[in-house]
PDB file of N, CA and C in Angstrom:
ATOM      1  N   UNK A   1     171.927 -79.915-148.642  1.00  0.00           N
ATOM      2  CA  UNK A   1     170.708 -79.145-148.551  1.00  0.00           C
ATOM      3  C   UNK A   1     169.602 -80.033-147.967  1.00  0.00           C
ATOM      4  N   UNK A   2     168.529 -79.405-147.513  1.00  0.00           N
ATOM      5  CA  UNK A   2     167.453 -80.175-146.895  1.00  0.00           C
ATOM      6  C   UNK A   2     166.619 -80.910-147.918  1.00  0.00           C
ATOM      7  N   UNK A   3     165.813 -81.867-147.456  1.00  0.00           N
ATOM      8  CA  UNK A   3     164.985 -82.642-148.373  1.00  0.00           C
ATOM      9  C   UNK A   3     163.871 -81.780-148.963  1.00  0.00           C
ATOM     10  N   UNK A   4     163.322 -82.236-150.082  1.00  0.00           N
ATOM     11  CA  UNK A   4     162.263 -81.499-150.760  1.00  0.00           C
ATOM     12  C   UNK A   4     161.006 -81.440-149.914  1.00  0.00           C
ATOM     13  N   UNK A   5     160.333 -80.310-149.940  1.00  0.00           N
ATOM     14  CA  UNK A   5     159.059 -80.185-149.256  1.00  0.00           C
ATOM     15  C   UNK A   5     157.947 -80.182-150.306  1.00  0.00           C
ATOM     16  N   UNK A   6     156.729 -80.330-149.857  1.00  0.00           N
ATOM     17  CA  UNK A   6     155.592 -80.347-150.780  1.00  0.00           C
ATOM     18  C   UNK A   6     155.502 -79.020-151.528  1.00  0.00           C
ATOM     19  N   UNK A   7     155.125 -79.090-152.787  1.00  0.00           N
ATOM     20  CA  UNK A   7     154.976 -77.891-153.609  1.00  0.00           C
ATOM     21  C   UNK A   7     153.517 -77.459-153.550  1.00  0.00           C
ATOM     22  N   UNK A   8     153.291 -76.207-153.144  1.00  0.00           N
ATOM     23  CA  UNK A   8     151.932 -75.692-152.990  1.00  0.00           C
ATOM     24  C   UNK A   8     151.377 -75.042-154.256  1.00  0.00           C
ATOM     25  N   UNK A   9     152.231 -74.415-155.042  1.00  0.00           N
ATOM     26  CA  UNK A   9     151.784 -73.686-156.236  1.00  0.00           C
ATOM     27  C   UNK A   9     152.688 -74.019-157.411  1.00  0.00           C
ATOM     28  N   UNK A  10     152.085 -74.073-158.602  1.00  0.00           N
ATOM     29  CA  UNK A  10     152.840 -74.421-159.810  1.00  0.00           C
ATOM     30  C   UNK A  10     152.492 -73.447-160.934  1.00  0.00           C
ATOM     31  N   UNK A  11     153.529 -72.932-161.584  1.00  0.00           N
ATOM     32  CA  UNK A  11     153.378 -72.203-162.850  1.00  0.00           C
ATOM     33  C   UNK A  11     153.930 -73.183-163.878  1.00  0.00           C
ATOM     34  N   UNK A  12     153.036 -73.870-164.573  1.00  0.00           N
ATOM     35  CA  UNK A  12     153.418 -74.973-165.451  1.00  0.00           C
ATOM     36  C   UNK A  12     153.974 -74.553-166.793  1.00  0.00           C
ATOM     37  N   UNK A  13     154.453 -75.573-167.529  1.00  0.00           N
ATOM     38  CA  UNK A  13     154.968 -75.374-168.882  1.00  0.00           C
ATOM     39  C   UNK A  13     153.949 -74.598-169.714  1.00  0.00           C
ATOM     40  N   UNK A  14     154.449 -73.713-170.551  1.00  0.00           N
ATOM     41  CA  UNK A  14     153.637 -72.925-171.476  1.00  0.00           C
ATOM     42  C   UNK A  14     152.634 -72.011-170.777  1.00  0.00           C
ATOM     43  N   UNK A  15     152.835 -71.790-169.470  1.00  0.00           N
ATOM     44  CA  UNK A  15     152.014 -70.835-168.724  1.00  0.00           C
ATOM     45  C   UNK A  15     152.872 -69.615-168.447  1.00  0.00           C
ATOM     46  N   UNK A  16     152.305 -68.426-168.629  1.00  0.00           N
ATOM     47  CA  UNK A  16     153.056 -67.224-168.276  1.00  0.00           C
ATOM     48  C   UNK A  16     152.214 -66.414-167.297  1.00  0.00           C
ATOM     49  N   UNK A  17     152.905 -65.781-166.357  1.00  0.00           N
ATOM     50  CA  UNK A  17     152.252 -64.999-165.315  1.00  0.00           C
ATOM     51  C   UNK A  17     152.968 -63.675-165.214  1.00  0.00           C
ATOM     52  N   UNK A  18     152.187 -62.588-165.116  1.00  0.00           N
ATOM     53  CA  UNK A  18     152.757 -61.251-164.970  1.00  0.00           C
ATOM     54  C   UNK A  18     152.196 -60.649-163.696  1.00  0.00           C
ATOM     55  N   UNK A  19     153.088 -60.276-162.767  1.00  0.00           N
ATOM     56  CA  UNK A  19     152.664 -59.688-161.507  1.00  0.00           C
ATOM     57  C   UNK A  19     153.465 -60.270-160.362  1.00  0.00           C
ATOM     58  N   UNK A  20     153.077 -59.933-159.142  1.00  0.00           N
ATOM     59  CA  UNK A  20     153.796 -60.398-157.958  1.00  0.00           C
ATOM     60  C   UNK A  20     153.135 -61.647-157.395  1.00  0.00           C
ATOM     61  N   UNK A  21     153.960 -62.627-156.998  1.00  0.00           N
ATOM     62  CA  UNK A  21     153.462 -63.855-156.379  1.00  0.00           C
ATOM     63  C   UNK A  21     153.931 -63.876-154.935  1.00  0.00           C
ATOM     64  N   UNK A  22     153.003 -64.101-154.002  1.00  0.00           N
ATOM     65  CA  UNK A  22     153.390 -64.304-152.608  1.00  0.00           C
ATOM     66  C   UNK A  22     152.618 -65.511-152.103  1.00  0.00           C
ATOM     67  N   UNK A  23     153.283 -66.311-151.238  1.00  0.00           N
ATOM     68  CA  UNK A  23     152.667 -67.539-150.751  1.00  0.00           C
ATOM     69  C   UNK A  23     153.318 -67.948-149.442  1.00  0.00           C
ATOM     70  N   UNK A  24     152.533 -68.546-148.537  1.00  0.00           N
ATOM     71  CA  UNK A  24     153.129 -69.082-147.312  1.00  0.00           C
ATOM     72  C   UNK A  24     153.799 -70.434-147.565  1.00  0.00           C
ATOM     73  N   UNK A  25     153.592 -71.002-148.760  1.00  0.00           N
ATOM     74  CA  UNK A  25     154.148 -72.317-149.093  1.00  0.00           C
ATOM     75  C   UNK A  25     155.287 -72.213-150.080  1.00  0.00           C
ATOM     76  N   UNK A  26     155.431 -73.243-150.923  1.00  0.00           N
ATOM     77  CA  UNK A  26     156.505 -73.295-151.903  1.00  0.00           C
ATOM     78  C   UNK A  26     155.944 -73.146-153.317  1.00  0.00           C
ATOM     79  N   UNK A  27     156.842 -72.907-154.281  1.00  0.00           N
ATOM     80  CA  UNK A  27     156.437 -72.616-155.657  1.00  0.00           C
ATOM     81  C   UNK A  27     157.362 -73.336-156.629  1.00  0.00           C
ATOM     82  N   UNK A  28     156.764 -73.942-157.658  1.00  0.00           N
ATOM     83  CA  UNK A  28     157.499 -74.584-158.750  1.00  0.00           C
ATOM     84  C   UNK A  28     157.195 -73.782-160.013  1.00  0.00           C
ATOM     85  N   UNK A  29     158.235 -73.342-160.718  1.00  0.00           N
ATOM     86  CA  UNK A  29     158.068 -72.586-161.958  1.00  0.00           C
ATOM     87  C   UNK A  29     158.709 -73.365-163.096  1.00  0.00           C
ATOM     88  N   UNK A  30     157.895 -73.812-164.057  1.00  0.00           N
ATOM     89  CA  UNK A  30     158.445 -74.388-165.277  1.00  0.00           C
ATOM     90  C   UNK A  30     157.912 -73.628-166.482  1.00  0.00           C
ATOM     91  N   UNK A  31     157.140 -72.572-166.220  1.00  0.00           N
ATOM     92  CA  UNK A  31     156.670 -71.643-167.245  1.00  0.00           C
ATOM     93  C   UNK A  31     157.439 -70.337-167.096  1.00  0.00           C
ATOM     94  N   UNK A  32     156.744 -69.210-167.309  1.00  0.00           N
ATOM     95  CA  UNK A  32     157.400 -67.906-167.231  1.00  0.00           C
ATOM     96  C   UNK A  32     156.698 -67.010-166.222  1.00  0.00           C
ATOM     97  N   UNK A  33     157.488 -66.356-165.368  1.00  0.00           N
ATOM     98  CA  UNK A  33     156.977 -65.365-164.423  1.00  0.00           C
ATOM     99  C   UNK A  33     157.701 -64.062-164.695  1.00  0.00           C
ATOM    100  N   UNK A  34     156.921 -63.003-164.938  1.00  0.00           N
ATOM    101  CA  UNK A  34     157.480 -61.657-165.089  1.00  0.00           C
ATOM    102  C   UNK A  34     156.961 -60.844-163.913  1.00  0.00           C
ATOM    103  N   UNK A  35     157.789 -60.797-162.881  1.00  0.00           N
ATOM    104  CA  UNK A  35     157.421 -60.105-161.656  1.00  0.00           C
ATOM    105  C   UNK A  35     158.148 -60.756-160.494  1.00  0.00           C
ATOM    106  N   UNK A  36     157.942 -60.212-159.315  1.00  0.00           N
ATOM    107  CA  UNK A  36     158.659 -60.684-158.135  1.00  0.00           C
ATOM    108  C   UNK A  36     157.944 -61.846-157.467  1.00  0.00           C
ATOM    109  N   UNK A  37     158.731 -62.722-156.840  1.00  0.00           N
ATOM    110  CA  UNK A  37     158.223 -63.891-156.122  1.00  0.00           C
ATOM    111  C   UNK A  37     158.695 -63.776-154.680  1.00  0.00           C
ATOM    112  N   UNK A  38     157.754 -63.859-153.730  1.00  0.00           N
ATOM    113  CA  UNK A  38     158.110 -63.834-152.314  1.00  0.00           C
ATOM    114  C   UNK A  38     157.310 -64.925-151.624  1.00  0.00           C
ATOM    115  N   UNK A  39     157.988 -66.019-151.245  1.00  0.00           N
ATOM    116  CA  UNK A  39     157.325 -67.144-150.581  1.00  0.00           C
ATOM    117  C   UNK A  39     158.092 -67.504-149.313  1.00  0.00           C
ATOM    118  N   UNK A  40     157.387 -68.124-148.369  1.00  0.00           N
ATOM    119  CA  UNK A  40     158.048 -68.569-147.138  1.00  0.00           C
ATOM    120  C   UNK A  40     158.696 -69.930-147.332  1.00  0.00           C
ATOM    121  N   UNK A  41     158.214 -70.694-148.296  1.00  0.00           N
ATOM    122  CA  UNK A  41     158.769 -72.018-148.589  1.00  0.00           C
ATOM    123  C   UNK A  41     159.870 -71.929-149.622  1.00  0.00           C
ATOM    124  N   UNK A  42     160.044 -73.027-150.353  1.00  0.00           N
ATOM    125  CA  UNK A  42     161.091 -73.133-151.360  1.00  0.00           C
ATOM    126  C   UNK A  42     160.594 -72.668-152.724  1.00  0.00           C
ATOM    127  N   UNK A  43     161.534 -72.267-153.577  1.00  0.00           N
ATOM    128  CA  UNK A  43     161.228 -71.877-154.953  1.00  0.00           C
ATOM    129  C   UNK A  43     162.075 -72.741-155.874  1.00  0.00           C
ATOM    130  N   UNK A  44     161.422 -73.396-156.842  1.00  0.00           N
ATOM    131  CA  UNK A  44     162.101 -74.236-157.821  1.00  0.00           C
ATOM    132  C   UNK A  44     161.843 -73.656-159.201  1.00  0.00           C
ATOM    133  N   UNK A  45     162.898 -73.306-159.925  1.00  0.00           N
ATOM    134  CA  UNK A  45     162.786 -72.828-161.307  1.00  0.00           C
ATOM    135  C   UNK A  45     163.431 -73.911-162.154  1.00  0.00           C
ATOM    136  N   UNK A  46     162.597 -74.732-162.802  1.00  0.00           N
ATOM    137  CA  UNK A  46     163.082 -75.940-163.464  1.00  0.00           C
ATOM    138  C   UNK A  46     162.892 -75.899-164.974  1.00  0.00           C
ATOM    139  N   UNK A  47     163.730 -76.664-165.684  1.00  0.00           N
ATOM    140  CA  UNK A  47     163.587 -76.881-167.121  1.00  0.00           C
ATOM    141  C   UNK A  47     163.591 -75.583-167.905  1.00  0.00           C
ATOM    142  N   UNK A  48     162.490 -75.340-168.610  1.00  0.00           N
ATOM    143  CA  UNK A  48     162.357 -74.119-169.395  1.00  0.00           C
ATOM    144  C   UNK A  48     161.784 -72.981-168.562  1.00  0.00           C
ATOM    145  N   UNK A  49     161.718 -73.185-167.245  1.00  0.00           N
ATOM    146  CA  UNK A  49     161.219 -72.150-166.345  1.00  0.00           C
ATOM    147  C   UNK A  49     162.054 -70.888-166.443  1.00  0.00           C
ATOM    148  N   UNK A  50     161.362 -69.761-166.358  1.00  0.00           N
ATOM    149  CA  UNK A  50     162.029 -68.475-166.526  1.00  0.00           C
ATOM    150  C   UNK A  50     161.383 -67.471-165.581  1.00  0.00           C
ATOM    151  N   UNK A  51     162.204 -66.771-164.794  1.00  0.00           N
ATOM    152  CA  UNK A  51     161.716 -65.720-163.905  1.00  0.00           C
ATOM    153  C   UNK A  51     162.455 -64.441-164.238  1.00  0.00           C
ATOM    154  N   UNK A  52     161.695 -63.419-164.602  1.00  0.00           N
ATOM    155  CA  UNK A  52     162.244 -62.094-164.843  1.00  0.00           C
ATOM    156  C   UNK A  52     161.734 -61.246-163.682  1.00  0.00           C
ATOM    157  N   UNK A  53     162.521 -61.175-162.623  1.00  0.00           N
ATOM    158  CA  UNK A  53     162.126 -60.471-161.408  1.00  0.00           C
ATOM    159  C   UNK A  53     162.900 -61.033-160.232  1.00  0.00           C
ATOM    160  N   UNK A  54     162.681 -60.472-159.061  1.00  0.00           N
ATOM    161  CA  UNK A  54     163.395 -60.886-157.866  1.00  0.00           C
ATOM    162  C   UNK A  54     162.691 -62.054-157.188  1.00  0.00           C
ATOM    163  N   UNK A  55     163.480 -62.916-156.525  1.00  0.00           N
ATOM    164  CA  UNK A  55     162.950 -64.084-155.821  1.00  0.00           C
ATOM    165  C   UNK A  55     163.401 -64.036-154.372  1.00  0.00           C
ATOM    166  N   UNK A  56     162.461 -64.262-153.457  1.00  0.00           N
ATOM    167  CA  UNK A  56     162.772 -64.400-152.040  1.00  0.00           C
ATOM    168  C   UNK A  56     162.078 -65.652-151.543  1.00  0.00           C
ATOM    169  N   UNK A  57     162.853 -66.569-150.940  1.00  0.00           N
ATOM    170  CA  UNK A  57     162.280 -67.804-150.436  1.00  0.00           C
ATOM    171  C   UNK A  57     163.232 -68.468-149.467  1.00  0.00           C
ATOM    172  N   UNK A  58     162.820 -69.607-148.921  1.00  0.00           N
ATOM    173  CA  UNK A  58     163.679 -70.344-148.004  1.00  0.00           C
ATOM    174  C   UNK A  58     164.851 -70.909-148.806  1.00  0.00           C
ATOM    175  N   UNK A  59     164.601 -71.950-149.566  1.00  0.00           N
ATOM    176  CA  UNK A  59     165.629 -72.538-150.427  1.00  0.00           C
ATOM    177  C   UNK A  59     165.214 -72.264-151.861  1.00  0.00           C
ATOM    178  N   UNK A  60     166.177 -71.928-152.703  1.00  0.00           N
ATOM    179  CA  UNK A  60     165.901 -71.671-154.114  1.00  0.00           C
ATOM    180  C   UNK A  60     166.775 -72.620-154.928  1.00  0.00           C
ATOM    181  N   UNK A  61     166.141 -73.341-155.874  1.00  0.00           N
ATOM    182  CA  UNK A  61     166.845 -74.272-156.753  1.00  0.00           C
ATOM    183  C   UNK A  61     166.557 -73.841-158.182  1.00  0.00           C
ATOM    184  N   UNK A  62     167.623 -73.631-158.971  1.00  0.00           N
ATOM    185  CA  UNK A  62     167.461 -73.114-160.332  1.00  0.00           C
ATOM    186  C   UNK A  62     168.117 -74.047-161.342  1.00  0.00           C
ATOM    187  N   UNK A  63     167.309 -74.562-162.280  1.00  0.00           N
ATOM    188  CA  UNK A  63     167.861 -75.246-163.446  1.00  0.00           C
ATOM    189  C   UNK A  63     167.316 -74.591-164.708  1.00  0.00           C
ATOM    190  N   UNK A  64     166.560 -73.520-164.529  1.00  0.00           N
ATOM    191  CA  UNK A  64     166.039 -72.712-165.625  1.00  0.00           C
ATOM    192  C   UNK A  64     166.801 -71.392-165.667  1.00  0.00           C
ATOM    193  N   UNK A  65     166.089 -70.291-165.926  1.00  0.00           N
ATOM    194  CA  UNK A  65     166.685 -68.965-166.066  1.00  0.00           C
ATOM    195  C   UNK A  65     166.070 -68.003-165.062  1.00  0.00           C
ATOM    196  N   UNK A  66     166.921 -67.245-164.369  1.00  0.00           N
ATOM    197  CA  UNK A  66     166.459 -66.172-163.488  1.00  0.00           C
ATOM    198  C   UNK A  66     167.220 -64.913-163.855  1.00  0.00           C
ATOM    199  N   UNK A  67     166.474 -63.863-164.174  1.00  0.00           N
ATOM    200  CA  UNK A  67     167.052 -62.547-164.406  1.00  0.00           C
ATOM    201  C   UNK A  67     166.498 -61.633-163.331  1.00  0.00           C
ATOM    202  N   UNK A  68     167.241 -61.560-162.224  1.00  0.00           N
ATOM    203  CA  UNK A  68     166.813 -60.770-161.078  1.00  0.00           C
ATOM    204  C   UNK A  68     167.599 -61.202-159.853  1.00  0.00           C
ATOM    205  N   UNK A  69     167.365 -60.525-158.745  1.00  0.00           N
ATOM    206  CA  UNK A  69     168.071 -60.810-157.510  1.00  0.00           C
ATOM    207  C   UNK A  69     167.402 -61.961-156.765  1.00  0.00           C
ATOM    208  N   UNK A  70     168.209 -62.720-156.000  1.00  0.00           N
ATOM    209  CA  UNK A  70     167.694 -63.859-155.244  1.00  0.00           C
ATOM    210  C   UNK A  70     168.112 -63.731-153.791  1.00  0.00           C
ATOM    211  N   UNK A  71     167.141 -63.845-152.880  1.00  0.00           N
ATOM    212  CA  UNK A  71     167.401 -63.954-151.452  1.00  0.00           C
ATOM    213  C   UNK A  71     166.910 -65.331-151.033  1.00  0.00           C
ATOM    214  N   UNK A  72     167.835 -66.192-150.580  1.00  0.00           N
ATOM    215  CA  UNK A  72     167.498 -67.560-150.195  1.00  0.00           C
ATOM    216  C   UNK A  72     167.963 -67.779-148.758  1.00  0.00           C
ATOM    217  N   UNK A  73     167.028 -67.795-147.820  1.00  0.00           N
ATOM    218  CA  UNK A  73     167.393 -67.889-146.402  1.00  0.00           C
ATOM    219  C   UNK A  73     167.892 -69.268-146.005  1.00  0.00           C
ATOM    220  N   UNK A  74     167.581 -70.313-146.795  1.00  0.00           N
ATOM    221  CA  UNK A  74     168.018 -71.679-146.468  1.00  0.00           C
ATOM    222  C   UNK A  74     168.879 -72.288-147.570  1.00  0.00           C
ATOM    223  N   UNK A  75     169.469 -71.468-148.410  1.00  0.00           N
ATOM    224  CA  UNK A  75     170.407 -71.954-149.415  1.00  0.00           C
ATOM    225  C   UNK A  75     169.929 -71.816-150.845  1.00  0.00           C
ATOM    226  N   UNK A  76     170.893 -71.751-151.745  1.00  0.00           N
ATOM    227  CA  UNK A  76     170.644 -71.639-153.181  1.00  0.00           C
ATOM    228  C   UNK A  76     171.440 -72.716-153.897  1.00  0.00           C
ATOM    229  N   UNK A  77     170.788 -73.402-154.822  1.00  0.00           N
ATOM    230  CA  UNK A  77     171.453 -74.380-155.678  1.00  0.00           C
ATOM    231  C   UNK A  77     171.250 -73.950-157.125  1.00  0.00           C
ATOM    232  N   UNK A  78     172.355 -73.849-157.871  1.00  0.00           N
ATOM    233  CA  UNK A  78     172.277 -73.587-159.303  1.00  0.00           C
ATOM    234  C   UNK A  78     172.708 -74.882-159.978  1.00  0.00           C
ATOM    235  N   UNK A  79     171.752 -75.569-160.590  1.00  0.00           N
ATOM    236  CA  UNK A  79     172.034 -76.841-161.243  1.00  0.00           C
ATOM    237  C   UNK A  79     172.707 -76.604-162.583  1.00  0.00           C
ATOM    238  N   UNK A  80     173.253 -77.669-163.196  1.00  0.00           N
ATOM    239  CA  UNK A  80     174.113 -77.494-164.374  1.00  0.00           C
ATOM    240  C   UNK A  80     173.446 -76.778-165.540  1.00  0.00           C
ATOM    241  N   UNK A  81     172.131 -76.851-165.665  1.00  0.00           N
ATOM    242  CA  UNK A  81     171.456 -76.135-166.755  1.00  0.00           C
ATOM    243  C   UNK A  81     170.940 -74.769-166.306  1.00  0.00           C
ATOM    244  N   UNK A  82     171.206 -74.380-165.055  1.00  0.00           N
ATOM    245  CA  UNK A  82     170.709 -73.117-164.509  1.00  0.00           C
ATOM    246  C   UNK A  82     171.502 -71.913-164.969  1.00  0.00           C
ATOM    247  N   UNK A  83     170.778 -70.796-165.124  1.00  0.00           N
ATOM    248  CA  UNK A  83     171.398 -69.531-165.514  1.00  0.00           C
ATOM    249  C   UNK A  83     170.800 -68.430-164.647  1.00  0.00           C
ATOM    250  N   UNK A  84     171.658 -67.660-164.001  1.00  0.00           N
ATOM    251  CA  UNK A  84     171.210 -66.556-163.153  1.00  0.00           C
ATOM    252  C   UNK A  84     171.995 -65.308-163.511  1.00  0.00           C
ATOM    253  N   UNK A  85     171.279 -64.189-163.630  1.00  0.00           N
ATOM    254  CA  UNK A  85     171.882 -62.890-163.844  1.00  0.00           C
ATOM    255  C   UNK A  85     171.290 -61.965-162.793  1.00  0.00           C
ATOM    256  N   UNK A  86     172.047 -61.710-161.710  1.00  0.00           N
ATOM    257  CA  UNK A  86     171.550 -60.851-160.641  1.00  0.00           C
ATOM    258  C   UNK A  86     172.337 -61.070-159.368  1.00  0.00           C
ATOM    259  N   UNK A  87     171.990 -60.326-158.333  1.00  0.00           N
ATOM    260  CA  UNK A  87     172.669 -60.427-157.051  1.00  0.00           C
ATOM    261  C   UNK A  87     172.052 -61.547-156.220  1.00  0.00           C
ATOM    262  N   UNK A  88     172.922 -62.312-155.540  1.00  0.00           N
ATOM    263  CA  UNK A  88     172.480 -63.433-154.713  1.00  0.00           C
ATOM    264  C   UNK A  88     172.832 -63.138-153.260  1.00  0.00           C
ATOM    265  N   UNK A  89     171.868 -63.369-152.363  1.00  0.00           N
ATOM    266  CA  UNK A  89     172.131 -63.335-150.928  1.00  0.00           C
ATOM    267  C   UNK A  89     171.594 -64.631-150.353  1.00  0.00           C
ATOM    268  N   UNK A  90     172.476 -65.407-149.692  1.00  0.00           N
ATOM    269  CA  UNK A  90     172.074 -66.705-149.150  1.00  0.00           C
ATOM    270  C   UNK A  90     173.024 -67.115-148.038  1.00  0.00           C
ATOM    271  N   UNK A  91     172.660 -68.205-147.330  1.00  0.00           N
ATOM    272  CA  UNK A  91     173.562 -68.708-146.295  1.00  0.00           C
ATOM    273  C   UNK A  91     174.393 -69.891-146.791  1.00  0.00           C
ATOM    274  N   UNK A  92     173.923 -70.589-147.832  1.00  0.00           N
ATOM    275  CA  UNK A  92     174.661 -71.706-148.437  1.00  0.00           C
ATOM    276  C   UNK A  92     174.511 -71.588-149.940  1.00  0.00           C
ATOM    277  N   UNK A  93     175.565 -71.916-150.674  1.00  0.00           N
ATOM    278  CA  UNK A  93     175.518 -71.797-152.131  1.00  0.00           C
ATOM    279  C   UNK A  93     176.172 -73.015-152.765  1.00  0.00           C
ATOM    280  N   UNK A  94     175.434 -73.653-153.692  1.00  0.00           N
ATOM    281  CA  UNK A  94     175.954 -74.776-154.459  1.00  0.00           C
ATOM    282  C   UNK A  94     175.813 -74.411-155.936  1.00  0.00           C
ATOM    283  N   UNK A  95     176.933 -74.442-156.652  1.00  0.00           N
ATOM    284  CA  UNK A  95     176.920 -74.135-158.085  1.00  0.00           C
ATOM    285  C   UNK A  95     177.493 -75.344-158.812  1.00  0.00           C
ATOM    286  N   UNK A  96     176.663 -76.010-159.617  1.00  0.00           N
ATOM    287  CA  UNK A  96     177.136 -77.177-160.363  1.00  0.00           C
ATOM    288  C   UNK A  96     177.933 -76.741-161.591  1.00  0.00           C
ATOM    289  N   UNK A  97     178.882 -77.574-161.970  1.00  0.00           N
ATOM    290  CA  UNK A  97     179.664 -77.331-163.168  1.00  0.00           C
ATOM    291  C   UNK A  97     178.735 -77.281-164.374  1.00  0.00           C
ATOM    292  N   UNK A  98     178.933 -76.293-165.221  1.00  0.00           N
ATOM    293  CA  UNK A  98     178.110 -76.138-166.412  1.00  0.00           C
ATOM    294  C   UNK A  98     177.041 -75.063-166.256  1.00  0.00           C
ATOM    295  N   UNK A  99     176.768 -74.651-165.027  1.00  0.00           N
ATOM    296  CA  UNK A  99     175.776 -73.597-164.818  1.00  0.00           C
ATOM    297  C   UNK A  99     176.394 -72.246-165.172  1.00  0.00           C
ATOM    298  N   UNK A 100     175.548 -71.233-165.311  1.00  0.00           N
ATOM    299  CA  UNK A 100     176.011 -69.896-165.664  1.00  0.00           C
ATOM    300  C   UNK A 100     175.509 -68.928-164.609  1.00  0.00           C
ATOM    301  N   UNK A 101     176.427 -68.114-164.077  1.00  0.00           N
ATOM    302  CA  UNK A 101     176.045 -67.103-163.096  1.00  0.00           C
ATOM    303  C   UNK A 101     176.796 -65.819-163.377  1.00  0.00           C
ATOM    304  N   UNK A 102     176.073 -64.704-163.381  1.00  0.00           N
ATOM    305  CA  UNK A 102     176.696 -63.393-163.528  1.00  0.00           C
ATOM    306  C   UNK A 102     176.061 -62.475-162.501  1.00  0.00           C
ATOM    307  N   UNK A 103     176.878 -61.886-161.658  1.00  0.00           N
ATOM    308  CA  UNK A 103     176.368 -60.976-160.646  1.00  0.00           C
ATOM    309  C   UNK A 103     177.246 -60.971-159.416  1.00  0.00           C
ATOM    310  N   UNK A 104     176.659 -60.546-158.316  1.00  0.00           N
ATOM    311  CA  UNK A 104     177.368 -60.441-157.050  1.00  0.00           C
ATOM    312  C   UNK A 104     176.804 -61.445-156.068  1.00  0.00           C
ATOM    313  N   UNK A 105     177.670 -62.025-155.233  1.00  0.00           N
ATOM    314  CA  UNK A 105     177.246 -63.035-154.263  1.00  0.00           C
ATOM    315  C   UNK A 105     177.532 -62.540-152.853  1.00  0.00           C
ATOM    316  N   UNK A 106     176.532 -62.664-151.967  1.00  0.00           N
ATOM    317  CA  UNK A 106     176.685 -62.379-150.548  1.00  0.00           C
ATOM    318  C   UNK A 106     176.312 -63.651-149.806  1.00  0.00           C
ATOM    319  N   UNK A 107     177.309 -64.348-149.251  1.00  0.00           N
ATOM    320  CA  UNK A 107     177.042 -65.557-148.486  1.00  0.00           C
ATOM    321  C   UNK A 107     177.231 -65.204-147.021  1.00  0.00           C
ATOM    322  N   UNK A 108     176.178 -65.441-146.230  1.00  0.00           N
ATOM    323  CA  UNK A 108     176.200 -65.098-144.808  1.00  0.00           C
ATOM    324  C   UNK A 108     175.747 -66.287-144.000  1.00  0.00           C
ATOM    325  N   UNK A 109     176.269 -66.428-142.804  1.00  0.00           N
ATOM    326  CA  UNK A 109     175.806 -67.514-141.935  1.00  0.00           C
ATOM    327  C   UNK A 109     174.379 -67.205-141.498  1.00  0.00           C
ATOM    328  N   UNK A 110     173.652 -68.240-141.069  1.00  0.00           N
ATOM    329  CA  UNK A 110     172.259 -68.067-140.648  1.00  0.00           C
ATOM    330  C   UNK A 110     172.074 -66.954-139.640  1.00  0.00           C
ATOM    331  N   UNK A 111     173.011 -66.827-138.684  1.00  0.00           N
ATOM    332  CA  UNK A 111     172.892 -65.798-137.653  1.00  0.00           C
ATOM    333  C   UNK A 111     173.079 -64.395-138.225  1.00  0.00           C
ATOM    334  N   UNK A 112     173.830 -64.287-139.314  1.00  0.00           N
ATOM    335  CA  UNK A 112     174.105 -62.978-139.892  1.00  0.00           C
ATOM    336  C   UNK A 112     173.173 -62.630-141.049  1.00  0.00           C
ATOM    337  N   UNK A 113     172.373 -63.592-141.474  1.00  0.00           N
ATOM    338  CA  UNK A 113     171.533 -63.357-142.649  1.00  0.00           C
ATOM    339  C   UNK A 113     170.541 -62.233-142.392  1.00  0.00           C
ATOM    340  N   UNK A 114     170.485 -61.331-143.308  1.00  0.00           N
ATOM    341  CA  UNK A 114     169.556 -60.205-143.193  1.00  0.00           C
ATOM    342  C   UNK A 114     168.143 -60.680-143.505  1.00  0.00           C
ATOM    343  N   UNK A 115     167.140 -59.972-143.039  1.00  0.00           N
ATOM    344  CA  UNK A 115     165.773 -60.348-143.400  1.00  0.00           C
ATOM    345  C   UNK A 115     165.555 -60.172-144.903  1.00  0.00           C
ATOM    346  N   UNK A 116     164.564 -60.880-145.410  1.00  0.00           N
ATOM    347  CA  UNK A 116     164.264 -60.784-146.837  1.00  0.00           C
ATOM    348  C   UNK A 116     163.983 -59.342-147.216  1.00  0.00           C
ATOM    349  N   UNK A 117     164.503 -58.914-148.358  1.00  0.00           N
ATOM    350  CA  UNK A 117     164.282 -57.522-148.780  1.00  0.00           C
ATOM    351  C   UNK A 117     162.828 -57.291-149.189  1.00  0.00           C
ATOM    352  N   UNK A 118     162.384 -56.070-149.032  1.00  0.00           N
ATOM    353  CA  UNK A 118     161.083 -55.679-149.567  1.00  0.00           C
ATOM    354  C   UNK A 118     161.309 -55.343-151.030  1.00  0.00           C
ATOM    355  N   UNK A 119     160.415 -55.816-151.879  1.00  0.00           N
ATOM    356  CA  UNK A 119     160.580 -55.601-153.308  1.00  0.00           C
ATOM    357  C   UNK A 119     159.769 -54.414-153.772  1.00  0.00           C
ATOM    358  N   UNK A 120     160.354 -53.695-154.688  1.00  0.00           N
ATOM    359  CA  UNK A 120     159.642 -52.630-155.356  1.00  0.00           C
ATOM    360  C   UNK A 120     159.036 -53.224-156.607  1.00  0.00           C
ATOM    361  N   UNK A 121     157.749 -53.018-156.824  1.00  0.00           N
ATOM    362  CA  UNK A 121     157.097 -53.564-158.013  1.00  0.00           C
ATOM    363  C   UNK A 121     157.418 -52.664-159.195  1.00  0.00           C
ATOM    364  N   UNK A 122     157.980 -53.290-160.235  1.00  0.00           N
ATOM    365  CA  UNK A 122     158.388 -52.544-161.419  1.00  0.00           C
ATOM    366  C   UNK A 122     157.453 -52.902-162.574  1.00  0.00           C
ATOM    367  N   UNK A 123     157.319 -51.979-163.476  1.00  0.00           N
ATOM    368  CA  UNK A 123     156.555 -52.234-164.685  1.00  0.00           C
ATOM    369  C   UNK A 123     157.412 -53.075-165.610  1.00  0.00           C
ATOM    370  N   UNK A 124     156.905 -54.252-166.023  1.00  0.00           N
ATOM    371  CA  UNK A 124     157.663 -55.106-166.927  1.00  0.00           C
ATOM    372  C   UNK A 124     157.004 -55.225-168.269  1.00  0.00           C
TER     373      UNK A 124
END
């Protein structure tokens, strides 16, 4: 996978956010997000980070919990403490031993990758 890029936005420990997040940069989540995330950069869900909603980003790295669908145009990594429940669409997928994943996987080459889905905002 590519090297880490600068993180533009952070949802820190013990912080919770409800609603949709969109950004031209990248996002680090170590708190809780209840809603959809759509960024042009990378999304990192680390430690006790928890996302209840869909994620769309370039590269997505999960060592926390995601309950929702993930679209990762530049790859998805599920680290050993990561847990995902939802559909994944990406061009590269790395799943470390010990991680938990339940759902459907669509791996497509960069040329075949569909554009990021439009999200419907749901009441959470």
